[in-house]
Amino acid sequence: MAVTAHPRAIATAIEMLRDLHLLGNRSRFARKLQGLPLWELKPLSRGGEQGGVRVYFTFIESQPTAMLFNAEVKSGDSPNAAKLREALEILTAFRDGVEVGV
């Protein structure tokens, strides 16, 4: 998002992450993705750069924390299938004890 110059989207993502940090799964932005062990942070606004921000993550059962996977600015309401697939691959590796992250 920073590379493509979406400053309002970045500000929205930071606001949603701050809310997630403070409230966990009670965050007003957190939505469970049906049928997946993944969640998304989704703004309350609709349309435009701010309304299209999504942050994909999961909660780690053994820790009171969330694992962030990726973020995007998108149009429409459906999550990006490639980003979800990547998140699932990372989560599977983590659960299998493979070191993940940078």
Protein backbone atom coordinates (compact mmCIF):
# COMPACT_ATOMS: atom_id res chain seq x y z
CA MET A 1 0.00 0.00 0.00
CA ALA A 2 2.87 2.36 0.74
CA VAL A 3 4.44 1.65 -2.65
CA THR A 4 1.22 2.44 -4.49
CA ALA A 5 0.69 5.65 -2.48
CA HIS A 6 -2.48 4.91 -0.55
CA PRO A 7 -1.97 7.11 2.53
CA ARG A 8 -5.65 7.09 3.56
CA ALA A 9 -5.73 3.30 3.27
CA ILE A 10 -2.62 3.00 5.42
CA ALA A 11 -4.15 5.31 8.05
CA THR A 12 -7.31 3.17 8.04
CA ALA A 13 -5.29 -0.04 8.41
CA ILE A 14 -3.39 1.46 11.36
CA GLU A 15 -6.66 2.48 13.01
CA MET A 16 -8.07 -1.04 12.58
CA LEU A 17 -4.87 -2.65 13.90
CA ARG A 18 -4.91 -0.36 16.93
CA ASP A 19 -8.50 -1.42 17.65
CA LEU A 20 -7.56 -5.10 17.22
CA HIS A 21 -4.63 -4.67 19.61
CA LEU A 22 -6.86 -3.11 22.26
CA LEU A 23 -9.99 -5.27 21.87
CA GLY A 24 -8.91 -8.54 20.23
CA ASN A 25 -11.82 -10.42 18.66
CA ARG A 26 -14.19 -7.78 20.06
CA SER A 27 -12.73 -5.23 17.62
CA ARG A 28 -15.49 -3.54 15.65
CA PHE A 29 -13.47 -4.17 12.48
CA ALA A 30 -12.75 -7.91 12.98
CA ARG A 31 -14.75 -10.34 10.84
CA LYS A 32 -14.30 -14.13 10.82
CA LEU A 33 -14.01 -15.53 7.30
CA GLN A 34 -16.56 -18.28 6.94
CA GLY A 35 -15.12 -21.78 6.68
CA LEU A 36 -11.53 -20.65 7.24
CA PRO A 37 -9.28 -20.24 10.29
CA LEU A 38 -8.73 -16.67 9.11
CA TRP A 39 -10.13 -13.28 9.98
CA GLU A 40 -10.10 -9.93 8.24
CA LEU A 41 -10.12 -6.38 9.46
CA LYS A 42 -12.66 -4.55 7.36
CA PRO A 43 -13.51 -0.85 7.74
CA LEU A 44 -17.01 0.30 8.51
CA SER A 45 -16.94 2.76 5.58
CA ARG A 46 -17.95 1.66 2.10
CA GLY A 47 -16.18 2.23 -1.18
CA GLY A 48 -13.09 4.14 -2.12
CA GLU A 49 -9.57 3.73 -0.86
CA GLN A 50 -10.58 3.60 2.82
CA GLY A 51 -13.51 1.23 2.30
CA GLY A 52 -11.39 -1.22 0.31
CA VAL A 53 -8.72 -1.81 2.97
CA ARG A 54 -8.46 -5.38 4.24
CA VAL A 55 -5.98 -6.84 6.72
CA TYR A 56 -5.89 -10.65 6.93
CA PHE A 57 -4.92 -12.37 10.17
CA THR A 58 -5.68 -15.17 12.61
CA PHE A 59 -5.66 -15.54 16.36
CA ILE A 60 -3.00 -17.84 17.81
CA GLU A 61 -4.77 -20.22 20.19
CA SER A 62 -1.82 -20.74 22.54
CA GLN A 63 -1.10 -17.01 22.89
CA PRO A 64 -3.20 -13.91 23.45
CA THR A 65 -2.07 -12.48 20.15
CA ALA A 66 -2.88 -12.26 16.46
CA MET A 67 -0.73 -13.32 13.52
CA LEU A 68 -0.93 -10.83 10.64
CA PHE A 69 -0.53 -12.14 7.11
CA ASN A 70 -1.08 -9.37 4.59
CA ALA A 71 -3.14 -6.34 3.64
CA GLU A 72 -4.59 -4.85 0.51
CA VAL A 73 -6.75 -2.11 -0.94
CA LYS A 74 -9.40 -3.70 -3.10
CA SER A 75 -12.69 -3.06 -4.81
CA GLY A 76 -15.67 -5.29 -4.22
CA ASP A 77 -16.46 -7.37 -1.17
CA SER A 78 -14.76 -10.73 -1.87
CA PRO A 79 -11.37 -11.41 -0.28
CA ASN A 80 -8.40 -11.87 -2.61
CA ALA A 81 -8.11 -15.65 -3.16
CA ALA A 82 -4.33 -15.52 -3.66
CA LYS A 83 -3.82 -13.62 -0.41
CA LEU A 84 -6.03 -16.09 1.46
CA ARG A 85 -4.14 -19.05 -0.03
CA GLU A 86 -0.83 -17.47 1.01
CA ALA A 87 -2.17 -16.86 4.55
CA LEU A 88 -3.30 -20.48 4.82
CA GLU A 89 0.12 -21.72 3.67
CA ILE A 90 1.86 -19.57 6.28
CA LEU A 91 -0.55 -20.67 9.01
CA THR A 92 -0.09 -24.34 8.10
CA ALA A 93 3.70 -23.97 8.20
CA PHE A 94 3.49 -22.22 11.58
CA ARG A 95 1.26 -24.95 13.01
CA ASP A 96 3.69 -27.58 11.69
CA GLY A 97 6.54 -25.92 13.59
CA VAL A 98 8.22 -24.36 10.56
CA GLU A 99 9.73 -20.96 11.33
CA VAL A 100 7.81 -18.30 9.46
CA GLY A 101 8.26 -14.56 9.21
CA VAL A 102 11.00 -12.17 8.35
